[in-house]
């Protein structure tokens, strides 16, 4: 049993909640063809491709991207930036199932070595109008297809991969926080203090796919756990949720799973009136929501926590 499951002993998980089934196998079960998650990567940087970097004296210059390459945790930097070929990852959050258990949040913080005050996955108490019932809304980074954060970064520290995941390379991040100002969803956080990360070799190799070791003076956020995807497993928030709130999968395969059930992405969105948060902004998020209709649990505030109240 992994560390995450030792912390969640009150939630008995089936084997398929601990392992993200290969999408090819899921597709076969749904009579849909497709390949599984690939762990072998092909392709290379185009010779002479340029990237802007900030020098120590504050000058913005262009250099060959290949010259900035470094290896991290067995995955070369250029492969970490390219993503998993042929995949387009998507998340669906069913608001009718959320009862503010916050085990998703705790799992995220544990595996990214985040202190209590730093949360990449926030859970808001939402209420659309004074006369309507409140509900709980988990909000990770939305991994937009048109991310404004990427456009404003002067050093190419934040980037979007071919599989739809938006990551931050904190070895390039200079802490200007332009990306935080550009994000309309307030999904990013800044490391003001030296991180306390027991058990992490702070002098070890950094990986933008695990976001550790964390670094002072840099920006952080939800990363969709790409290191777990490379192992064929679900992101930590998905596998930790006891109520099946989070679905995750590949939009190209049209298959998503919460670990207990596997469904077609397009059918679920159609049948349950799925939508994207603040759609009118034109950022095209990779996170979809299902309305809090026919809720499985009555709304109840958690007495020991005082979550933020956010008007939609």
C-alpha atoms as a PDB file:
ATOM      1  CA  UNK A   1       0.000   0.000   0.000  1.00  0.00           C
ATOM      2  CA  UNK A   2       1.382   3.410  -0.951  1.00  0.00           C
ATOM      3  CA  UNK A   3       1.875   6.331   1.405  1.00  0.00           C
ATOM      4  CA  UNK A   4      -1.234   8.072   0.156  1.00  0.00           C
ATOM      5  CA  UNK A   5      -3.415   5.121   1.067  1.00  0.00           C
ATOM      6  CA  UNK A   6      -1.917   4.874   4.527  1.00  0.00           C
ATOM      7  CA  UNK A   7      -3.183   8.405   5.124  1.00  0.00           C
ATOM      8  CA  UNK A   8      -6.622   7.513   3.815  1.00  0.00           C
ATOM      9  CA  UNK A   9      -7.304   4.347   5.813  1.00  0.00           C
ATOM     10  CA  UNK A  10     -10.926   5.292   6.302  1.00  0.00           C
ATOM     11  CA  UNK A  11     -11.434   5.093   2.558  1.00  0.00           C
ATOM     12  CA  UNK A  12     -11.230   1.547   1.246  1.00  0.00           C
ATOM     13  CA  UNK A  13     -10.104   1.815  -2.364  1.00  0.00           C
ATOM     14  CA  UNK A  14     -10.465  -0.810  -5.021  1.00  0.00           C
ATOM     15  CA  UNK A  15      -7.343  -1.698  -7.038  1.00  0.00           C
ATOM     16  CA  UNK A  16      -8.623   0.247 -10.026  1.00  0.00           C
ATOM     17  CA  UNK A  17      -8.632   3.435  -7.950  1.00  0.00           C
ATOM     18  CA  UNK A  18      -4.922   3.040  -7.295  1.00  0.00           C
ATOM     19  CA  UNK A  19      -3.965   2.505 -10.881  1.00  0.00           C
ATOM     20  CA  UNK A  20      -4.924   4.526 -13.931  1.00  0.00           C
ATOM     21  CA  UNK A  21      -5.873   1.755 -16.371  1.00  0.00           C
ATOM     22  CA  UNK A  22      -4.203   1.984 -19.745  1.00  0.00           C
ATOM     23  CA  UNK A  23      -6.487   3.927 -22.044  1.00  0.00           C
ATOM     24  CA  UNK A  24      -6.271   1.217 -24.657  1.00  0.00           C
ATOM     25  CA  UNK A  25      -7.737  -1.288 -22.197  1.00  0.00           C
ATOM     26  CA  UNK A  26     -10.428   1.159 -21.194  1.00  0.00           C
ATOM     27  CA  UNK A  27     -11.255   1.731 -24.817  1.00  0.00           C
ATOM     28  CA  UNK A  28     -11.539  -1.985 -25.447  1.00  0.00           C
ATOM     29  CA  UNK A  29     -14.033  -2.234 -22.593  1.00  0.00           C
ATOM     30  CA  UNK A  30     -16.122   0.465 -24.248  1.00  0.00           C
ATOM     31  CA  UNK A  31     -15.687  -0.886 -27.769  1.00  0.00           C
ATOM     32  CA  UNK A  32     -13.502   2.082 -28.605  1.00  0.00           C
ATOM     33  CA  UNK A  33     -10.108   1.566 -30.171  1.00  0.00           C
ATOM     34  CA  UNK A  34      -6.969   3.380 -29.097  1.00  0.00           C
ATOM     35  CA  UNK A  35      -3.481   3.010 -27.701  1.00  0.00           C
ATOM     36  CA  UNK A  36      -2.578   3.127 -24.016  1.00  0.00           C
ATOM     37  CA  UNK A  37      -0.442   5.717 -22.288  1.00  0.00           C
ATOM     38  CA  UNK A  38       2.914   5.795 -24.009  1.00  0.00           C
ATOM     39  CA  UNK A  39       6.102   5.796 -21.994  1.00  0.00           C
ATOM     40  CA  UNK A  40       8.451   5.939 -24.957  1.00  0.00           C
ATOM     41  CA  UNK A  41       8.906   9.355 -26.511  1.00  0.00           C
ATOM     42  CA  UNK A  42      10.031  10.325 -29.943  1.00  0.00           C
ATOM     43  CA  UNK A  43      10.870  13.549 -31.666  1.00  0.00           C
ATOM     44  CA  UNK A  44      13.458  16.188 -30.872  1.00  0.00           C
ATOM     45  CA  UNK A  45      13.861  19.925 -30.761  1.00  0.00           C
ATOM     46  CA  UNK A  46      14.030  21.663 -34.103  1.00  0.00           C
ATOM     47  CA  UNK A  47      17.642  22.705 -34.742  1.00  0.00           C
ATOM     48  CA  UNK A  48      18.132  26.374 -34.115  1.00  0.00           C
ATOM     49  CA  UNK A  49      14.850  26.896 -32.245  1.00  0.00           C
ATOM     50  CA  UNK A  50      15.180  30.070 -30.189  1.00  0.00           C
ATOM     51  CA  UNK A  51      13.882  30.933 -26.734  1.00  0.00           C
ATOM     52  CA  UNK A  52      13.996  34.179 -24.763  1.00  0.00           C
ATOM     53  CA  UNK A  53      15.847  34.193 -21.445  1.00  0.00           C
ATOM     54  CA  UNK A  54      16.668  36.892 -18.926  1.00  0.00           C
ATOM     55  CA  UNK A  55      20.371  37.374 -18.222  1.00  0.00           C
ATOM     56  CA  UNK A  56      21.825  38.159 -14.799  1.00  0.00           C
ATOM     57  CA  UNK A  57      22.155  41.832 -15.755  1.00  0.00           C
ATOM     58  CA  UNK A  58      18.485  42.093 -16.710  1.00  0.00           C
ATOM     59  CA  UNK A  59      18.816  41.831 -20.490  1.00  0.00           C
ATOM     60  CA  UNK A  60      16.303  39.797 -22.520  1.00  0.00           C
ATOM     61  CA  UNK A  61      18.159  37.726 -25.120  1.00  0.00           C
ATOM     62  CA  UNK A  62      17.451  34.830 -27.490  1.00  0.00           C
ATOM     63  CA  UNK A  63      19.450  31.605 -27.257  1.00  0.00           C
ATOM     64  CA  UNK A  64      19.266  28.155 -28.807  1.00  0.00           C
ATOM     65  CA  UNK A  65      16.705  26.156 -26.800  1.00  0.00           C
ATOM     66  CA  UNK A  66      18.864  23.026 -26.951  1.00  0.00           C
ATOM     67  CA  UNK A  67      21.567  24.815 -24.995  1.00  0.00           C
ATOM     68  CA  UNK A  68      19.192  25.097 -22.030  1.00  0.00           C
ATOM     69  CA  UNK A  69      18.430  21.392 -21.893  1.00  0.00           C
ATOM     70  CA  UNK A  70      18.910  19.542 -18.630  1.00  0.00           C
ATOM     71  CA  UNK A  71      17.802  16.148 -17.383  1.00  0.00           C
ATOM     72  CA  UNK A  72      15.393  15.659 -14.500  1.00  0.00           C
ATOM     73  CA  UNK A  73      14.507  12.483 -12.688  1.00  0.00           C
ATOM     74  CA  UNK A  74      15.138  10.262 -15.712  1.00  0.00           C
ATOM     75  CA  UNK A  75      13.033  12.413 -18.049  1.00  0.00           C
ATOM     76  CA  UNK A  76      14.987  14.853 -20.231  1.00  0.00           C
ATOM     77  CA  UNK A  77      13.803  18.435 -19.997  1.00  0.00           C
ATOM     78  CA  UNK A  78      12.792  18.589 -23.653  1.00  0.00           C
ATOM     79  CA  UNK A  79      10.546  15.536 -23.227  1.00  0.00           C
ATOM     80  CA  UNK A  80       9.005  16.986 -20.089  1.00  0.00           C
ATOM     81  CA  UNK A  81       8.186  20.084 -22.117  1.00  0.00           C
ATOM     82  CA  UNK A  82       6.774  18.137 -25.066  1.00  0.00           C
ATOM     83  CA  UNK A  83       4.350  15.966 -23.113  1.00  0.00           C
ATOM     84  CA  UNK A  84       2.963  12.512 -23.882  1.00  0.00           C
ATOM     85  CA  UNK A  85       2.488  12.139 -27.651  1.00  0.00           C
ATOM     86  CA  UNK A  86      -1.036  11.677 -28.981  1.00  0.00           C
ATOM     87  CA  UNK A  87      -2.756  12.536 -25.704  1.00  0.00           C
ATOM     88  CA  UNK A  88      -5.060  15.414 -24.725  1.00  0.00           C
ATOM     89  CA  UNK A  89      -5.747  15.156 -21.019  1.00  0.00           C
ATOM     90  CA  UNK A  90      -9.033  16.397 -19.604  1.00  0.00           C
ATOM     91  CA  UNK A  91     -10.637  16.554 -16.165  1.00  0.00           C
ATOM     92  CA  UNK A  92     -14.327  16.586 -15.282  1.00  0.00           C
ATOM     93  CA  UNK A  93     -15.490  17.605 -11.785  1.00  0.00           C
ATOM     94  CA  UNK A  94     -18.957  16.472 -10.695  1.00  0.00           C
ATOM     95  CA  UNK A  95     -20.194  19.119  -8.249  1.00  0.00           C
ATOM     96  CA  UNK A  96     -23.174  16.989  -7.227  1.00  0.00           C
ATOM     97  CA  UNK A  97     -20.797  14.506  -5.588  1.00  0.00           C
ATOM     98  CA  UNK A  98     -18.608  16.892  -3.600  1.00  0.00           C
ATOM     99  CA  UNK A  99     -19.252  17.125   0.142  1.00  0.00           C
ATOM    100  CA  UNK A 100     -16.042  18.946   1.093  1.00  0.00           C
ATOM    101  CA  UNK A 101     -14.134  15.894   2.302  1.00  0.00           C
ATOM    102  CA  UNK A 102     -10.942  17.628   1.111  1.00  0.00           C
ATOM    103  CA  UNK A 103      -9.011  14.383   0.794  1.00  0.00           C
ATOM    104  CA  UNK A 104      -8.177  15.506  -2.747  1.00  0.00           C
ATOM    105  CA  UNK A 105      -6.543  18.580  -1.286  1.00  0.00           C
ATOM    106  CA  UNK A 106      -4.638  16.669   1.393  1.00  0.00           C
ATOM    107  CA  UNK A 107      -3.315  14.159  -1.147  1.00  0.00           C
ATOM    108  CA  UNK A 108      -2.160  16.987  -3.417  1.00  0.00           C
ATOM    109  CA  UNK A 109      -0.344  18.716  -0.574  1.00  0.00           C
ATOM    110  CA  UNK A 110       1.272  15.511   0.667  1.00  0.00           C
ATOM    111  CA  UNK A 111       2.712  14.457  -2.669  1.00  0.00           C
ATOM    112  CA  UNK A 112       3.869  17.940  -3.662  1.00  0.00           C
ATOM    113  CA  UNK A 113       5.323  18.627  -0.191  1.00  0.00           C
ATOM    114  CA  UNK A 114       3.096  21.659   0.383  1.00  0.00           C
ATOM    115  CA  UNK A 115       2.534  23.163   3.850  1.00  0.00           C
ATOM    116  CA  UNK A 116      -0.959  23.643   5.241  1.00  0.00           C
ATOM    117  CA  UNK A 117      -1.158  27.285   4.169  1.00  0.00           C
ATOM    118  CA  UNK A 118      -0.267  26.564   0.535  1.00  0.00           C
ATOM    119  CA  UNK A 119      -2.983  24.916  -1.534  1.00  0.00           C
ATOM    120  CA  UNK A 120      -2.826  24.210  -5.264  1.00  0.00           C
ATOM    121  CA  UNK A 121      -6.291  22.655  -5.189  1.00  0.00           C
ATOM    122  CA  UNK A 122      -8.814  24.920  -3.481  1.00  0.00           C
ATOM    123  CA  UNK A 123     -12.365  24.027  -2.464  1.00  0.00           C
ATOM    124  CA  UNK A 124     -14.787  26.953  -2.482  1.00  0.00           C
ATOM    125  CA  UNK A 125     -18.213  27.316  -0.971  1.00  0.00           C
ATOM    126  CA  UNK A 126     -20.236  28.590  -3.930  1.00  0.00           C
ATOM    127  CA  UNK A 127     -23.644  30.247  -4.012  1.00  0.00           C
ATOM    128  CA  UNK A 128     -25.015  31.588  -7.283  1.00  0.00           C
ATOM    129  CA  UNK A 129     -27.659  33.823  -5.673  1.00  0.00           C
ATOM    130  CA  UNK A 130     -28.998  34.571  -2.159  1.00  0.00           C
ATOM    131  CA  UNK A 131     -32.067  32.436  -2.834  1.00  0.00           C
ATOM    132  CA  UNK A 132     -30.199  29.397  -4.149  1.00  0.00           C
ATOM    133  CA  UNK A 133     -28.535  26.571  -2.282  1.00  0.00           C
ATOM    134  CA  UNK A 134     -24.745  26.661  -1.766  1.00  0.00           C
ATOM    135  CA  UNK A 135     -22.486  23.894  -3.022  1.00  0.00           C
ATOM    136  CA  UNK A 136     -18.815  22.930  -2.945  1.00  0.00           C
ATOM    137  CA  UNK A 137     -16.532  23.618  -5.897  1.00  0.00           C
ATOM    138  CA  UNK A 138     -13.000  22.163  -6.136  1.00  0.00           C
ATOM    139  CA  UNK A 139     -10.789  24.342  -8.345  1.00  0.00           C
ATOM    140  CA  UNK A 140      -7.376  23.174  -9.601  1.00  0.00           C
ATOM    141  CA  UNK A 141      -5.413  24.876 -12.358  1.00  0.00           C
ATOM    142  CA  UNK A 142      -7.664  24.668 -15.420  1.00  0.00           C
ATOM    143  CA  UNK A 143      -4.822  23.915 -17.874  1.00  0.00           C
ATOM    144  CA  UNK A 144      -6.202  26.183 -20.574  1.00  0.00           C
ATOM    145  CA  UNK A 145      -5.757  25.516 -24.285  1.00  0.00           C
ATOM    146  CA  UNK A 146      -5.189  29.261 -24.684  1.00  0.00           C
ATOM    147  CA  UNK A 147      -3.335  30.063 -21.452  1.00  0.00           C
ATOM    148  CA  UNK A 148      -2.668  33.781 -20.878  1.00  0.00           C
ATOM    149  CA  UNK A 149      -0.024  32.850 -18.306  1.00  0.00           C
ATOM    150  CA  UNK A 150       2.187  31.314 -20.992  1.00  0.00           C
ATOM    151  CA  UNK A 151       1.995  34.381 -23.225  1.00  0.00           C
ATOM    152  CA  UNK A 152       3.265  36.800 -20.594  1.00  0.00           C
ATOM    153  CA  UNK A 153       6.207  34.796 -19.219  1.00  0.00           C
ATOM    154  CA  UNK A 154       9.419  36.557 -20.342  1.00  0.00           C
ATOM    155  CA  UNK A 155      11.695  33.535 -19.856  1.00  0.00           C
ATOM    156  CA  UNK A 156       9.636  30.581 -21.120  1.00  0.00           C
ATOM    157  CA  UNK A 157       9.348  29.219 -17.573  1.00  0.00           C
ATOM    158  CA  UNK A 158       5.655  28.430 -17.910  1.00  0.00           C
ATOM    159  CA  UNK A 159       4.731  26.414 -20.971  1.00  0.00           C
ATOM    160  CA  UNK A 160       1.960  24.360 -22.537  1.00  0.00           C
ATOM    161  CA  UNK A 161       2.628  20.795 -23.679  1.00  0.00           C
ATOM    162  CA  UNK A 162       1.181  18.907 -26.630  1.00  0.00           C
ATOM    163  CA  UNK A 163      -0.949  16.816 -24.230  1.00  0.00           C
ATOM    164  CA  UNK A 164      -2.699  19.928 -22.897  1.00  0.00           C
ATOM    165  CA  UNK A 165      -0.877  20.185 -19.568  1.00  0.00           C
ATOM    166  CA  UNK A 166       0.482  23.589 -18.537  1.00  0.00           C
ATOM    167  CA  UNK A 167       3.615  23.387 -16.368  1.00  0.00           C
ATOM    168  CA  UNK A 168       6.158  25.671 -14.707  1.00  0.00           C
ATOM    169  CA  UNK A 169       9.901  25.130 -14.855  1.00  0.00           C
ATOM    170  CA  UNK A 170      11.146  26.686 -11.619  1.00  0.00           C
ATOM    171  CA  UNK A 171      14.746  26.486 -12.768  1.00  0.00           C
ATOM    172  CA  UNK A 172      13.832  29.195 -15.286  1.00  0.00           C
ATOM    173  CA  UNK A 173      11.267  31.095 -13.210  1.00  0.00           C
ATOM    174  CA  UNK A 174      12.588  34.499 -12.115  1.00  0.00           C
ATOM    175  CA  UNK A 175       9.655  35.302  -9.831  1.00  0.00           C
ATOM    176  CA  UNK A 176       8.305  38.249 -11.827  1.00  0.00           C
ATOM    177  CA  UNK A 177       4.733  36.987 -11.204  1.00  0.00           C
ATOM    178  CA  UNK A 178       3.462  38.185 -14.583  1.00  0.00           C
ATOM    179  CA  UNK A 179       1.775  34.801 -14.968  1.00  0.00           C
ATOM    180  CA  UNK A 180      -0.075  35.248 -11.673  1.00  0.00           C
ATOM    181  CA  UNK A 181      -1.415  38.584 -12.828  1.00  0.00           C
ATOM    182  CA  UNK A 182      -2.464  37.120 -16.175  1.00  0.00           C
ATOM    183  CA  UNK A 183      -4.299  34.063 -14.769  1.00  0.00           C
ATOM    184  CA  UNK A 184      -8.025  34.924 -14.530  1.00  0.00           C
ATOM    185  CA  UNK A 185      -8.674  31.978 -12.200  1.00  0.00           C
ATOM    186  CA  UNK A 186      -6.113  32.812  -9.468  1.00  0.00           C
ATOM    187  CA  UNK A 187      -4.712  29.305  -9.802  1.00  0.00           C
ATOM    188  CA  UNK A 188      -1.087  30.179  -9.052  1.00  0.00           C
ATOM    189  CA  UNK A 189       0.827  30.716  -5.833  1.00  0.00           C
ATOM    190  CA  UNK A 190       4.165  32.340  -5.013  1.00  0.00           C
ATOM    191  CA  UNK A 191       6.863  30.856  -2.801  1.00  0.00           C
ATOM    192  CA  UNK A 192       7.657  33.764  -0.499  1.00  0.00           C
ATOM    193  CA  UNK A 193       9.633  31.682   1.974  1.00  0.00           C
ATOM    194  CA  UNK A 194      12.160  28.873   1.786  1.00  0.00           C
ATOM    195  CA  UNK A 195      10.031  25.714   1.477  1.00  0.00           C
ATOM    196  CA  UNK A 196      10.060  23.208   4.316  1.00  0.00           C
ATOM    197  CA  UNK A 197      10.081  19.882   2.495  1.00  0.00           C
ATOM    198  CA  UNK A 198      11.205  17.005   4.763  1.00  0.00           C
ATOM    199  CA  UNK A 199      12.502  13.973   2.930  1.00  0.00           C
ATOM    200  CA  UNK A 200      13.294  15.941  -0.237  1.00  0.00           C
ATOM    201  CA  UNK A 201      16.875  16.333  -1.405  1.00  0.00           C
ATOM    202  CA  UNK A 202      16.926  20.073  -2.023  1.00  0.00           C
ATOM    203  CA  UNK A 203      20.201  19.717  -3.904  1.00  0.00           C
ATOM    204  CA  UNK A 204      18.787  16.945  -6.058  1.00  0.00           C
ATOM    205  CA  UNK A 205      17.623  17.136  -9.664  1.00  0.00           C
ATOM    206  CA  UNK A 206      14.548  19.304 -10.171  1.00  0.00           C
ATOM    207  CA  UNK A 207      11.668  18.132 -12.331  1.00  0.00           C
ATOM    208  CA  UNK A 208       8.875  20.335 -13.700  1.00  0.00           C
ATOM    209  CA  UNK A 209       6.786  17.145 -13.803  1.00  0.00           C
ATOM    210  CA  UNK A 210       6.933  16.666 -10.017  1.00  0.00           C
ATOM    211  CA  UNK A 211       7.507  20.313  -9.042  1.00  0.00           C
ATOM    212  CA  UNK A 212      10.079  19.226  -6.442  1.00  0.00           C
ATOM    213  CA  UNK A 213      12.340  20.252  -4.935  1.00  0.00           C
ATOM    214  CA  UNK A 214      10.344  23.459  -4.478  1.00  0.00           C
ATOM    215  CA  UNK A 215      12.228  26.743  -4.720  1.00  0.00           C
ATOM    216  CA  UNK A 216      11.892  30.064  -2.931  1.00  0.00           C
ATOM    217  CA  UNK A 217      10.997  33.052  -5.103  1.00  0.00           C
ATOM    218  CA  UNK A 218       9.177  31.045  -7.775  1.00  0.00           C
ATOM    219  CA  UNK A 219       5.585  30.457  -8.873  1.00  0.00           C
ATOM    220  CA  UNK A 220       3.784  27.138  -8.366  1.00  0.00           C
ATOM    221  CA  UNK A 221       0.451  25.555  -9.241  1.00  0.00           C
ATOM    222  CA  UNK A 222      -1.507  22.345  -9.862  1.00  0.00           C
ATOM    223  CA  UNK A 223       0.314  20.279 -12.480  1.00  0.00           C
ATOM    224  CA  UNK A 224      -2.126  17.394 -13.187  1.00  0.00           C
ATOM    225  CA  UNK A 225       0.554  15.038 -11.748  1.00  0.00           C
ATOM    226  CA  UNK A 226       2.294  14.205 -15.064  1.00  0.00           C
ATOM    227  CA  UNK A 227       4.755  11.965 -13.217  1.00  0.00           C
ATOM    228  CA  UNK A 228       1.791   9.750 -12.273  1.00  0.00           C
ATOM    229  CA  UNK A 229       0.501   9.764 -15.861  1.00  0.00           C
ATOM    230  CA  UNK A 230       3.861   8.452 -17.068  1.00  0.00           C
ATOM    231  CA  UNK A 231       3.345   5.488 -14.722  1.00  0.00           C
ATOM    232  CA  UNK A 232      -0.149   4.870 -16.070  1.00  0.00           C
ATOM    233  CA  UNK A 233      -1.795   6.152 -12.864  1.00  0.00           C
ATOM    234  CA  UNK A 234      -4.388   8.778 -12.041  1.00  0.00           C
ATOM    235  CA  UNK A 235      -3.514  12.174 -10.520  1.00  0.00           C
ATOM    236  CA  UNK A 236      -3.435  12.085  -6.721  1.00  0.00           C
ATOM    237  CA  UNK A 237      -6.595  14.172  -6.272  1.00  0.00           C
ATOM    238  CA  UNK A 238      -8.595  11.754  -8.438  1.00  0.00           C
ATOM    239  CA  UNK A 239      -7.517   8.568  -6.660  1.00  0.00           C
ATOM    240  CA  UNK A 240      -7.857  10.124  -3.184  1.00  0.00           C
ATOM    241  CA  UNK A 241     -11.460  11.326  -3.550  1.00  0.00           C
ATOM    242  CA  UNK A 242     -13.836   8.942  -1.723  1.00  0.00           C
ATOM    243  CA  UNK A 243     -16.890  10.095  -3.672  1.00  0.00           C
ATOM    244  CA  UNK A 244     -15.752   9.915  -7.296  1.00  0.00           C
ATOM    245  CA  UNK A 245     -15.925  13.667  -7.813  1.00  0.00           C
ATOM    246  CA  UNK A 246     -12.995  13.818 -10.254  1.00  0.00           C
ATOM    247  CA  UNK A 247     -12.924  12.121 -13.659  1.00  0.00           C
ATOM    248  CA  UNK A 248      -9.699  12.141 -15.655  1.00  0.00           C
ATOM    249  CA  UNK A 249      -8.698  10.813 -19.047  1.00  0.00           C
ATOM    250  CA  UNK A 250      -7.855  11.419 -22.679  1.00  0.00           C
ATOM    251  CA  UNK A 251     -10.119  13.583 -24.819  1.00  0.00           C
ATOM    252  CA  UNK A 252      -8.647  12.051 -27.980  1.00  0.00           C
ATOM    253  CA  UNK A 253      -9.784   8.614 -26.804  1.00  0.00           C
ATOM    254  CA  UNK A 254     -13.051  10.143 -25.517  1.00  0.00           C
ATOM    255  CA  UNK A 255     -12.610   8.160 -22.288  1.00  0.00           C
ATOM    256  CA  UNK A 256     -12.433   9.337 -18.675  1.00  0.00           C
ATOM    257  CA  UNK A 257     -12.513   7.540 -15.328  1.00  0.00           C
ATOM    258  CA  UNK A 258     -12.823   8.369 -11.641  1.00  0.00           C
ATOM    259  CA  UNK A 259     -11.326   4.997 -10.775  1.00  0.00           C
ATOM    260  CA  UNK A 260     -14.651   3.330 -10.029  1.00  0.00           C
ATOM    261  CA  UNK A 261     -16.435   3.966 -13.300  1.00  0.00           C
ATOM    262  CA  UNK A 262     -15.242   4.589 -16.832  1.00  0.00           C
ATOM    263  CA  UNK A 263     -17.348   6.604 -19.270  1.00  0.00           C
ATOM    264  CA  UNK A 264     -17.174   8.436 -22.563  1.00  0.00           C
ATOM    265  CA  UNK A 265     -16.179  12.050 -22.018  1.00  0.00           C
ATOM    266  CA  UNK A 266     -18.462  13.428 -24.739  1.00  0.00           C
ATOM    267  CA  UNK A 267     -21.478  11.464 -23.509  1.00  0.00           C
ATOM    268  CA  UNK A 268     -21.043  12.512 -19.887  1.00  0.00           C
ATOM    269  CA  UNK A 269     -20.736  16.191 -20.811  1.00  0.00           C
ATOM    270  CA  UNK A 270     -23.803  15.929 -23.046  1.00  0.00           C
ATOM    271  CA  UNK A 271     -26.002  13.967 -20.634  1.00  0.00           C
ATOM    272  CA  UNK A 272     -25.187  16.048 -17.551  1.00  0.00           C
ATOM    273  CA  UNK A 273     -24.911  19.507 -19.125  1.00  0.00           C
ATOM    274  CA  UNK A 274     -21.170  19.891 -18.564  1.00  0.00           C
ATOM    275  CA  UNK A 275     -19.657  23.355 -18.796  1.00  0.00           C
ATOM    276  CA  UNK A 276     -16.360  25.198 -18.391  1.00  0.00           C
ATOM    277  CA  UNK A 277     -15.833  27.826 -15.695  1.00  0.00           C
ATOM    278  CA  UNK A 278     -15.991  31.394 -17.033  1.00  0.00           C
ATOM    279  CA  UNK A 279     -16.271  30.137 -20.599  1.00  0.00           C
ATOM    280  CA  UNK A 280     -16.624  33.665 -21.940  1.00  0.00           C
ATOM    281  CA  UNK A 281     -12.969  34.466 -21.207  1.00  0.00           C
ATOM    282  CA  UNK A 282     -11.902  32.421 -24.238  1.00  0.00           C
ATOM    283  CA  UNK A 283      -9.120  30.561 -22.434  1.00  0.00           C
ATOM    284  CA  UNK A 284     -10.627  27.143 -23.292  1.00  0.00           C
ATOM    285  CA  UNK A 285      -9.923  25.253 -20.045  1.00  0.00           C
ATOM    286  CA  UNK A 286      -9.229  21.514 -19.984  1.00  0.00           C
ATOM    287  CA  UNK A 287     -11.313  21.209 -16.802  1.00  0.00           C
ATOM    288  CA  UNK A 288     -15.085  20.774 -17.121  1.00  0.00           C
ATOM    289  CA  UNK A 289     -17.772  20.909 -14.440  1.00  0.00           C
ATOM    290  CA  UNK A 290     -21.027  19.018 -14.007  1.00  0.00           C
ATOM    291  CA  UNK A 291     -23.761  21.064 -12.241  1.00  0.00           C
ATOM    292  CA  UNK A 292     -24.600  20.453  -8.584  1.00  0.00           C
ATOM    293  CA  UNK A 293     -28.013  19.024  -9.513  1.00  0.00           C
ATOM    294  CA  UNK A 294     -29.526  15.958  -7.792  1.00  0.00           C
ATOM    295  CA  UNK A 295     -26.791  16.117  -5.191  1.00  0.00           C
ATOM    296  CA  UNK A 296     -25.760  12.907  -3.498  1.00  0.00           C
ATOM    297  CA  UNK A 297     -25.152  14.690  -0.187  1.00  0.00           C
ATOM    298  CA  UNK A 298     -27.034  17.516   1.558  1.00  0.00           C
ATOM    299  CA  UNK A 299     -24.964  20.676   1.864  1.00  0.00           C
ATOM    300  CA  UNK A 300     -23.200  20.903   5.204  1.00  0.00           C
ATOM    301  CA  UNK A 301     -20.473  23.263   6.383  1.00  0.00           C
ATOM    302  CA  UNK A 302     -17.388  21.639   7.837  1.00  0.00           C
ATOM    303  CA  UNK A 303     -17.263  22.824  11.441  1.00  0.00           C
ATOM    304  CA  UNK A 304     -13.491  22.665  11.826  1.00  0.00           C
ATOM    305  CA  UNK A 305     -12.733  24.503   8.584  1.00  0.00           C
ATOM    306  CA  UNK A 306     -13.852  27.878   7.305  1.00  0.00           C
ATOM    307  CA  UNK A 307     -13.596  27.679   3.510  1.00  0.00           C
ATOM    308  CA  UNK A 308     -13.734  30.755   1.330  1.00  0.00           C
ATOM    309  CA  UNK A 309     -17.075  31.903   0.002  1.00  0.00           C
ATOM    310  CA  UNK A 310     -16.997  32.757  -3.684  1.00  0.00           C
ATOM    311  CA  UNK A 311     -19.821  34.257  -5.712  1.00  0.00           C
ATOM    312  CA  UNK A 312     -20.092  32.913  -9.260  1.00  0.00           C
END
